Amino acid sequence: MNIKQICFRKKCIEIHWEYHGTEYTSMLYRHSDYSWHPDADTRRMPPVMLEELQHQVWLRLSAGPKKKTERKKTADTWFADSR
């Protein structure tokens, strides 16, 4: 299973993922009590598949943002910035 993209919106979370070469889109909707519930198609999936999806989403969210590596400035860059 591979999570391709997670889109956060005001009232839903859209998850694009792939499982054995098939691409899926799952939606989690926010109810008035601020709980999140999956769409009907996602609820009908086998429990093993749902557990794996939940596990992958948690791993993706807990990883946090990717840090960008900063390149070291060369002497030419330092002098160019000072002008």
PDB file of N, CA and C in Angstrom:
ATOM      1  N   MET A   1       0.850  -1.171   0.000  1.00  0.00           N
ATOM      2  CA  MET A   1       0.000   0.000   0.000  1.00  0.00           C
ATOM      3  C   MET A   1       0.896   1.234   0.000  1.00  0.00           C
ATOM      4  N   ASN A   2       0.502   2.206  -0.802  1.00  0.00           N
ATOM      5  CA  ASN A   2       1.279   3.426  -0.944  1.00  0.00           C
ATOM      6  C   ASN A   2       0.334   4.626  -0.895  1.00  0.00           C
ATOM      7  N   ILE A   3       0.543   5.513   0.073  1.00  0.00           N
ATOM      8  CA  ILE A   3      -0.230   6.745   0.159  1.00  0.00           C
ATOM      9  C   ILE A   3       0.408   7.740  -0.798  1.00  0.00           C
ATOM     10  N   LYS A   4      -0.345   8.186  -1.791  1.00  0.00           N
ATOM     11  CA  LYS A   4       0.193   9.127  -2.766  1.00  0.00           C
ATOM     12  C   LYS A   4       0.014  10.578  -2.329  1.00  0.00           C
ATOM     13  N   GLN A   5      -1.145  10.905  -1.764  1.00  0.00           N
ATOM     14  CA  GLN A   5      -1.416  12.289  -1.408  1.00  0.00           C
ATOM     15  C   GLN A   5      -2.515  12.357  -0.354  1.00  0.00           C
ATOM     16  N   ILE A   6      -2.359  13.304   0.578  1.00  0.00           N
ATOM     17  CA  ILE A   6      -3.395  13.580   1.567  1.00  0.00           C
ATOM     18  C   ILE A   6      -3.729  15.064   1.454  1.00  0.00           C
ATOM     19  N   CYS A   7      -4.993  15.372   1.159  1.00  0.00           N
ATOM     20  CA  CYS A   7      -5.446  16.765   1.016  1.00  0.00           C
ATOM     21  C   CYS A   7      -6.368  17.103   2.181  1.00  0.00           C
ATOM     22  N   PHE A   8      -6.023  18.144   2.916  1.00  0.00           N
ATOM     23  CA  PHE A   8      -6.833  18.588   4.039  1.00  0.00           C
ATOM     24  C   PHE A   8      -7.729  19.728   3.581  1.00  0.00           C
ATOM     25  N   ARG A   9      -9.017  19.575   3.825  1.00  0.00           N
ATOM     26  CA  ARG A   9      -9.976  20.608   3.518  1.00  0.00           C
ATOM     27  C   ARG A   9     -10.748  20.941   4.805  1.00  0.00           C
ATOM     28  N   LYS A  10     -11.600  21.946   4.744  1.00  0.00           N
ATOM     29  CA  LYS A  10     -12.299  22.382   5.946  1.00  0.00           C
ATOM     30  C   LYS A  10     -13.206  21.291   6.529  1.00  0.00           C
ATOM     31  N   LYS A  11     -13.940  20.582   5.669  1.00  0.00           N
ATOM     32  CA  LYS A  11     -14.891  19.582   6.157  1.00  0.00           C
ATOM     33  C   LYS A  11     -14.578  18.154   5.722  1.00  0.00           C
ATOM     34  N   CYS A  12     -13.456  17.947   5.057  1.00  0.00           N
ATOM     35  CA  CYS A  12     -13.109  16.578   4.661  1.00  0.00           C
ATOM     36  C   CYS A  12     -11.599  16.427   4.501  1.00  0.00           C
ATOM     37  N   ILE A  13     -11.165  15.192   4.522  1.00  0.00           N
ATOM     38  CA  ILE A  13      -9.780  14.826   4.226  1.00  0.00           C
ATOM     39  C   ILE A  13      -9.841  13.850   3.062  1.00  0.00           C
ATOM     40  N   GLU A  14      -9.114  14.151   2.009  1.00  0.00           N
ATOM     41  CA  GLU A  14      -9.105  13.319   0.806  1.00  0.00           C
ATOM     42  C   GLU A  14      -7.772  12.582   0.749  1.00  0.00           C
ATOM     43  N   ILE A  15      -7.838  11.261   0.640  1.00  0.00           N
ATOM     44  CA  ILE A  15      -6.641  10.428   0.637  1.00  0.00           C
ATOM     45  C   ILE A  15      -6.567   9.690  -0.693  1.00  0.00           C
ATOM     46  N   HIS A  16      -5.495   9.901  -1.433  1.00  0.00           N
ATOM     47  CA  HIS A  16      -5.247   9.180  -2.684  1.00  0.00           C
ATOM     48  C   HIS A  16      -4.193   8.118  -2.373  1.00  0.00           C
ATOM     49  N   TRP A  17      -4.511   6.865  -2.702  1.00  0.00           N
ATOM     50  CA  TRP A  17      -3.604   5.781  -2.380  1.00  0.00           C
ATOM     51  C   TRP A  17      -3.673   4.683  -3.423  1.00  0.00           C
ATOM     52  N   GLU A  18      -2.687   3.790  -3.361  1.00  0.00           N
ATOM     53  CA  GLU A  18      -2.570   2.703  -4.336  1.00  0.00           C
ATOM     54  C   GLU A  18      -2.383   1.395  -3.576  1.00  0.00           C
ATOM     55  N   TYR A  19      -3.061   0.359  -4.054  1.00  0.00           N
ATOM     56  CA  TYR A  19      -2.973  -0.962  -3.427  1.00  0.00           C
ATOM     57  C   TYR A  19      -2.939  -2.011  -4.534  1.00  0.00           C
ATOM     58  N   HIS A  20      -1.847  -2.721  -4.655  1.00  0.00           N
ATOM     59  CA  HIS A  20      -1.647  -3.754  -5.682  1.00  0.00           C
ATOM     60  C   HIS A  20      -1.928  -3.219  -7.088  1.00  0.00           C
ATOM     61  N   GLY A  21      -1.427  -2.042  -7.396  1.00  0.00           N
ATOM     62  CA  GLY A  21      -1.555  -1.480  -8.740  1.00  0.00           C
ATOM     63  C   GLY A  21      -2.879  -0.778  -9.027  1.00  0.00           C
ATOM     64  N   THR A  22      -3.809  -0.782  -8.094  1.00  0.00           N
ATOM     65  CA  THR A  22      -5.099  -0.115  -8.283  1.00  0.00           C
ATOM     66  C   THR A  22      -5.112   1.166  -7.449  1.00  0.00           C
ATOM     67  N   GLU A  23      -5.514   2.265  -8.074  1.00  0.00           N
ATOM     68  CA  GLU A  23      -5.565   3.537  -7.364  1.00  0.00           C
ATOM     69  C   GLU A  23      -6.951   3.749  -6.749  1.00  0.00           C
ATOM     70  N   TYR A  24      -6.964   4.255  -5.515  1.00  0.00           N
ATOM     71  CA  TYR A  24      -8.197   4.507  -4.780  1.00  0.00           C
ATOM     72  C   TYR A  24      -8.203   5.945  -4.262  1.00  0.00           C
ATOM     73  N   THR A  25      -9.391   6.446  -4.002  1.00  0.00           N
ATOM     74  CA  THR A  25      -9.573   7.732  -3.334  1.00  0.00           C
ATOM     75  C   THR A  25     -10.556   7.522  -2.198  1.00  0.00           C
ATOM     76  N   SER A  26     -10.119   7.867  -0.991  1.00  0.00           N
ATOM     77  CA  SER A  26     -10.975   7.748   0.184  1.00  0.00           C
ATOM     78  C   SER A  26     -11.207   9.133   0.756  1.00  0.00           C
ATOM     79  N   MET A  27     -12.395   9.322   1.305  1.00  0.00           N
ATOM     80  CA  MET A  27     -12.754  10.597   1.909  1.00  0.00           C
ATOM     81  C   MET A  27     -13.125  10.361   3.367  1.00  0.00           C
ATOM     82  N   LEU A  28     -12.660  11.240   4.228  1.00  0.00           N
ATOM     83  CA  LEU A  28     -13.075  11.258   5.623  1.00  0.00           C
ATOM     84  C   LEU A  28     -13.838  12.556   5.832  1.00  0.00           C
ATOM     85  N   TYR A  29     -15.067  12.449   6.277  1.00  0.00           N
ATOM     86  CA  TYR A  29     -15.926  13.619   6.452  1.00  0.00           C
ATOM     87  C   TYR A  29     -16.032  13.982   7.923  1.00  0.00           C
ATOM     88  N   ARG A  30     -16.061  15.280   8.213  1.00  0.00           N
ATOM     89  CA  ARG A  30     -16.190  15.770   9.580  1.00  0.00           C
ATOM     90  C   ARG A  30     -17.663  15.991   9.902  1.00  0.00           C
ATOM     91  N   HIS A  31     -18.098  15.393  10.999  1.00  0.00           N
ATOM     92  CA  HIS A  31     -19.479  15.567  11.447  1.00  0.00           C
ATOM     93  C   HIS A  31     -19.569  16.757  12.388  1.00  0.00           C
ATOM     94  N   SER A  32     -20.756  17.109  12.786  1.00  0.00           N
ATOM     95  CA  SER A  32     -20.971  18.270  13.648  1.00  0.00           C
ATOM     96  C   SER A  32     -20.322  18.127  15.022  1.00  0.00           C
ATOM     97  N   ASP A  33     -20.097  16.886  15.470  1.00  0.00           N
ATOM     98  CA  ASP A  33     -19.433  16.680  16.761  1.00  0.00           C
ATOM     99  C   ASP A  33     -17.915  16.585  16.614  1.00  0.00           C
ATOM    100  N   TYR A  34     -17.397  16.972  15.449  1.00  0.00           N
ATOM    101  CA  TYR A  34     -15.967  17.002  15.118  1.00  0.00           C
ATOM    102  C   TYR A  34     -15.330  15.611  15.082  1.00  0.00           C
ATOM    103  N   SER A  35     -16.114  14.588  14.857  1.00  0.00           N
ATOM    104  CA  SER A  35     -15.565  13.257  14.631  1.00  0.00           C
ATOM    105  C   SER A  35     -15.437  13.045  13.125  1.00  0.00           C
ATOM    106  N   TRP A  36     -14.542  12.172  12.731  1.00  0.00           N
ATOM    107  CA  TRP A  36     -14.280  11.927  11.307  1.00  0.00           C
ATOM    108  C   TRP A  36     -14.789  10.542  10.931  1.00  0.00           C
ATOM    109  N   HIS A  37     -15.502  10.449   9.803  1.00  0.00           N
ATOM    110  CA  HIS A  37     -16.093   9.194   9.360  1.00  0.00           C
ATOM    111  C   HIS A  37     -15.762   8.964   7.887  1.00  0.00           C
ATOM    112  N   PRO A  38     -15.406   7.732   7.524  1.00  0.00           N
ATOM    113  CA  PRO A  38     -15.088   7.441   6.115  1.00  0.00           C
ATOM    114  C   PRO A  38     -16.333   7.411   5.237  1.00  0.00           C
ATOM    115  N   ASP A  39     -16.117   7.588   3.950  1.00  0.00           N
ATOM    116  CA  ASP A  39     -17.224   7.518   2.993  1.00  0.00           C
ATOM    117  C   ASP A  39     -17.720   6.079   2.870  1.00  0.00           C
ATOM    118  N   ALA A  40     -18.823   5.898   2.188  1.00  0.00           N
ATOM    119  CA  ALA A  40     -19.478   4.582   2.094  1.00  0.00           C
ATOM    120  C   ALA A  40     -18.591   3.546   1.395  1.00  0.00           C
ATOM    121  N   ASP A  41     -17.911   3.936   0.329  1.00  0.00           N
ATOM    122  CA  ASP A  41     -17.052   2.978  -0.390  1.00  0.00           C
ATOM    123  C   ASP A  41     -15.897   2.507   0.486  1.00  0.00           C
ATOM    124  N   THR A  42     -15.339   3.398   1.251  1.00  0.00           N
ATOM    125  CA  THR A  42     -14.226   3.026   2.127  1.00  0.00           C
ATOM    126  C   THR A  42     -14.708   2.112   3.246  1.00  0.00           C
ATOM    127  N   ARG A  43     -15.890   2.350   3.770  1.00  0.00           N
ATOM    128  CA  ARG A  43     -16.442   1.500   4.840  1.00  0.00           C
ATOM    129  C   ARG A  43     -16.688   0.077   4.374  1.00  0.00           C
ATOM    130  N   ARG A  44     -16.958  -0.121   3.086  1.00  0.00           N
ATOM    131  CA  ARG A  44     -17.248  -1.459   2.563  1.00  0.00           C
ATOM    132  C   ARG A  44     -16.004  -2.278   2.272  1.00  0.00           C
ATOM    133  N   MET A  45     -14.817  -1.693   2.404  1.00  0.00           N
ATOM    134  CA  MET A  45     -13.572  -2.427   2.133  1.00  0.00           C
ATOM    135  C   MET A  45     -13.338  -3.483   3.206  1.00  0.00           C
ATOM    136  N   PRO A  46     -12.576  -4.511   2.885  1.00  0.00           N
ATOM    137  CA  PRO A  46     -12.266  -5.546   3.883  1.00  0.00           C
ATOM    138  C   PRO A  46     -11.522  -4.940   5.083  1.00  0.00           C
ATOM    139  N   PRO A  47     -11.742  -5.475   6.275  1.00  0.00           N
ATOM    140  CA  PRO A  47     -11.111  -4.936   7.483  1.00  0.00           C
ATOM    141  C   PRO A  47      -9.582  -4.904   7.416  1.00  0.00           C
ATOM    142  N   VAL A  48      -8.990  -5.897   6.788  1.00  0.00           N
ATOM    143  CA  VAL A  48      -7.522  -5.935   6.687  1.00  0.00           C
ATOM    144  C   VAL A  48      -7.019  -4.740   5.877  1.00  0.00           C
ATOM    145  N   MET A  49      -7.715  -4.427   4.810  1.00  0.00           N
ATOM    146  CA  MET A  49      -7.347  -3.304   3.962  1.00  0.00           C
ATOM    147  C   MET A  49      -7.528  -1.972   4.701  1.00  0.00           C
ATOM    148  N   LEU A  50      -8.607  -1.850   5.473  1.00  0.00           N
ATOM    149  CA  LEU A  50      -8.851  -0.639   6.252  1.00  0.00           C
ATOM    150  C   LEU A  50      -7.792  -0.432   7.330  1.00  0.00           C
ATOM    151  N   GLU A  51      -7.379  -1.515   7.984  1.00  0.00           N
ATOM    152  CA  GLU A  51      -6.335  -1.415   9.003  1.00  0.00           C
ATOM    153  C   GLU A  51      -5.019  -0.970   8.390  1.00  0.00           C
ATOM    154  N   GLU A  52      -4.687  -1.508   7.242  1.00  0.00           N
ATOM    155  CA  GLU A  52      -3.446  -1.119   6.565  1.00  0.00           C
ATOM    156  C   GLU A  52      -3.505   0.346   6.130  1.00  0.00           C
ATOM    157  N   LEU A  53      -4.657   0.782   5.624  1.00  0.00           N
ATOM    158  CA  LEU A  53      -4.824   2.186   5.237  1.00  0.00           C
ATOM    159  C   LEU A  53      -4.650   3.095   6.451  1.00  0.00           C
ATOM    160  N   GLN A  54      -5.288   2.747   7.562  1.00  0.00           N
ATOM    161  CA  GLN A  54      -5.164   3.545   8.771  1.00  0.00           C
ATOM    162  C   GLN A  54      -3.705   3.605   9.239  1.00  0.00           C
ATOM    163  N   HIS A  55      -3.030   2.473   9.208  1.00  0.00           N
ATOM    164  CA  HIS A  55      -1.627   2.417   9.628  1.00  0.00           C
ATOM    165  C   HIS A  55      -0.757   3.313   8.748  1.00  0.00           C
ATOM    166  N   GLN A  56      -0.942   3.238   7.432  1.00  0.00           N
ATOM    167  CA  GLN A  56      -0.143   4.046   6.510  1.00  0.00           C
ATOM    168  C   GLN A  56      -0.423   5.541   6.673  1.00  0.00           C
ATOM    169  N   VAL A  57      -1.683   5.907   6.897  1.00  0.00           N
ATOM    170  CA  VAL A  57      -2.024   7.325   7.101  1.00  0.00           C
ATOM    171  C   VAL A  57      -1.369   7.826   8.379  1.00  0.00           C
ATOM    172  N   TRP A  58      -1.417   7.039   9.474  1.00  0.00           N
ATOM    173  CA  TRP A  58      -0.773   7.447  10.720  1.00  0.00           C
ATOM    174  C   TRP A  58       0.721   7.611  10.545  1.00  0.00           C
ATOM    175  N   LEU A  59       1.360   6.692   9.817  1.00  0.00           N
ATOM    176  CA  LEU A  59       2.795   6.817   9.576  1.00  0.00           C
ATOM    177  C   LEU A  59       3.111   8.087   8.798  1.00  0.00           C
ATOM    178  N   ARG A  60       2.300   8.368   7.793  1.00  0.00           N
ATOM    179  CA  ARG A  60       2.520   9.554   6.957  1.00  0.00           C
ATOM    180  C   ARG A  60       2.328  10.840   7.751  1.00  0.00           C
ATOM    181  N   LEU A  61       1.297  10.886   8.597  1.00  0.00           N
ATOM    182  CA  LEU A  61       1.039  12.092   9.383  1.00  0.00           C
ATOM    183  C   LEU A  61       2.042  12.279  10.521  1.00  0.00           C
ATOM    184  N   SER A  62       2.505  11.195  11.110  1.00  0.00           N
ATOM    185  CA  SER A  62       3.445  11.306  12.220  1.00  0.00           C
ATOM    186  C   SER A  62       4.862  11.633  11.759  1.00  0.00           C
ATOM    187  N   ALA A  63       5.139  11.433  10.479  1.00  0.00           N
ATOM    188  CA  ALA A  63       6.477  11.712   9.967  1.00  0.00           C
ATOM    189  C   ALA A  63       6.781  13.211   9.979  1.00  0.00           C
ATOM    190  N   GLY A  64       5.765  14.043   9.876  1.00  0.00           N
ATOM    191  CA  GLY A  64       5.973  15.484   9.873  1.00  0.00           C
ATOM    192  C   GLY A  64       6.452  15.972   8.517  1.00  0.00           C
ATOM    193  N   PRO A  65       6.701  17.263   8.411  1.00  0.00           N
ATOM    194  CA  PRO A  65       7.138  17.805   7.124  1.00  0.00           C
ATOM    195  C   PRO A  65       8.568  17.386   6.803  1.00  0.00           C
ATOM    196  N   LYS A  66       8.841  17.230   5.535  1.00  0.00           N
ATOM    197  CA  LYS A  66      10.192  16.877   5.109  1.00  0.00           C
ATOM    198  C   LYS A  66      11.074  18.111   5.208  1.00  0.00           C
ATOM    199  N   LYS A  67      12.261  17.924   5.744  1.00  0.00           N
ATOM    200  CA  LYS A  67      13.189  19.037   5.879  1.00  0.00           C
ATOM    201  C   LYS A  67      14.008  19.163   4.600  1.00  0.00           C
ATOM    202  N   LYS A  68      14.145  20.391   4.149  1.00  0.00           N
ATOM    203  CA  LYS A  68      14.944  20.641   2.957  1.00  0.00           C
ATOM    204  C   LYS A  68      16.401  20.783   3.364  1.00  0.00           C
ATOM    205  N   THR A  69      17.268  20.137   2.612  1.00  0.00           N
ATOM    206  CA  THR A  69      18.687  20.275   2.884  1.00  0.00           C
ATOM    207  C   THR A  69      19.182  21.539   2.201  1.00  0.00           C
ATOM    208  N   GLU A  70      19.923  22.317   2.935  1.00  0.00           N
ATOM    209  CA  GLU A  70      20.413  23.577   2.403  1.00  0.00           C
ATOM    210  C   GLU A  70      21.834  23.379   1.883  1.00  0.00           C
ATOM    211  N   ARG A  71      22.068  23.878   0.684  1.00  0.00           N
ATOM    212  CA  ARG A  71      23.403  23.757   0.109  1.00  0.00           C
ATOM    213  C   ARG A  71      24.322  24.793   0.744  1.00  0.00           C
ATOM    214  N   LYS A  72      25.571  24.426   0.868  1.00  0.00           N
ATOM    215  CA  LYS A  72      26.549  25.368   1.395  1.00  0.00           C
ATOM    216  C   LYS A  72      26.861  26.406   0.327  1.00  0.00           C
ATOM    217  N   LYS A  73      27.051  27.634   0.770  1.00  0.00           N
ATOM    218  CA  LYS A  73      27.364  28.698  -0.170  1.00  0.00           C
ATOM    219  C   LYS A  73      28.852  28.664  -0.489  1.00  0.00           C
ATOM    220  N   THR A  74      29.154  28.874  -1.744  1.00  0.00           N
ATOM    221  CA  THR A  74      30.549  28.964  -2.155  1.00  0.00           C
ATOM    222  C   THR A  74      31.003  30.408  -2.009  1.00  0.00           C
ATOM    223  N   ALA A  75      32.282  30.638  -2.159  1.00  0.00           N
ATOM    224  CA  ALA A  75      32.823  31.989  -2.027  1.00  0.00           C
ATOM    225  C   ALA A  75      32.200  32.921  -3.066  1.00  0.00           C
ATOM    226  N   ASP A  76      31.948  32.423  -4.282  1.00  0.00           N
ATOM    227  CA  ASP A  76      31.355  33.259  -5.326  1.00  0.00           C
ATOM    228  C   ASP A  76      29.958  33.716  -4.906  1.00  0.00           C
ATOM    229  N   THR A  77      29.200  32.868  -4.282  1.00  0.00           N
ATOM    230  CA  THR A  77      27.851  33.200  -3.855  1.00  0.00           C
ATOM    231  C   THR A  77      27.880  34.240  -2.745  1.00  0.00           C
ATOM    232  N   TRP A  78      28.802  34.124  -1.811  1.00  0.00           N
ATOM    233  CA  TRP A  78      28.902  35.079  -0.717  1.00  0.00           C
ATOM    234  C   TRP A  78      29.149  36.489  -1.246  1.00  0.00           C
ATOM    235  N   PHE A  79      30.098  36.596  -2.182  1.00  0.00           N
ATOM    236  CA  PHE A  79      30.425  37.916  -2.727  1.00  0.00           C
ATOM    237  C   PHE A  79      29.279  38.469  -3.565  1.00  0.00           C
ATOM    238  N   ALA A  80      28.549  37.606  -4.256  1.00  0.00           N
ATOM    239  CA  ALA A  80      27.416  38.059  -5.066  1.00  0.00           C
ATOM    240  C   ALA A  80      26.298  38.585  -4.177  1.00  0.00           C
ATOM    241  N   ASP A  81      26.081  37.970  -3.023  1.00  0.00           N
ATOM    242  CA  ASP A  81      25.037  38.409  -2.105  1.00  0.00           C
ATOM    243  C   ASP A  81      25.354  39.745  -1.440  1.00  0.00           C
ATOM    244  N   SER A  82      26.620  40.065  -1.256  1.00  0.00           N
ATOM    245  CA  SER A  82      26.986  41.277  -0.541  1.00  0.00           C
ATOM    246  C   SER A  82      26.841  42.537  -1.390  1.00  0.00           C
ATOM    247  N   ARG A  83      26.673  42.390  -2.676  1.00  0.00           N
ATOM    248  CA  ARG A  83      26.556  43.573  -3.557  1.00  0.00           C
ATOM    249  C   ARG A  83      25.185  44.142  -3.573  1.00  0.00           C
TER     250      ARG A  83
END
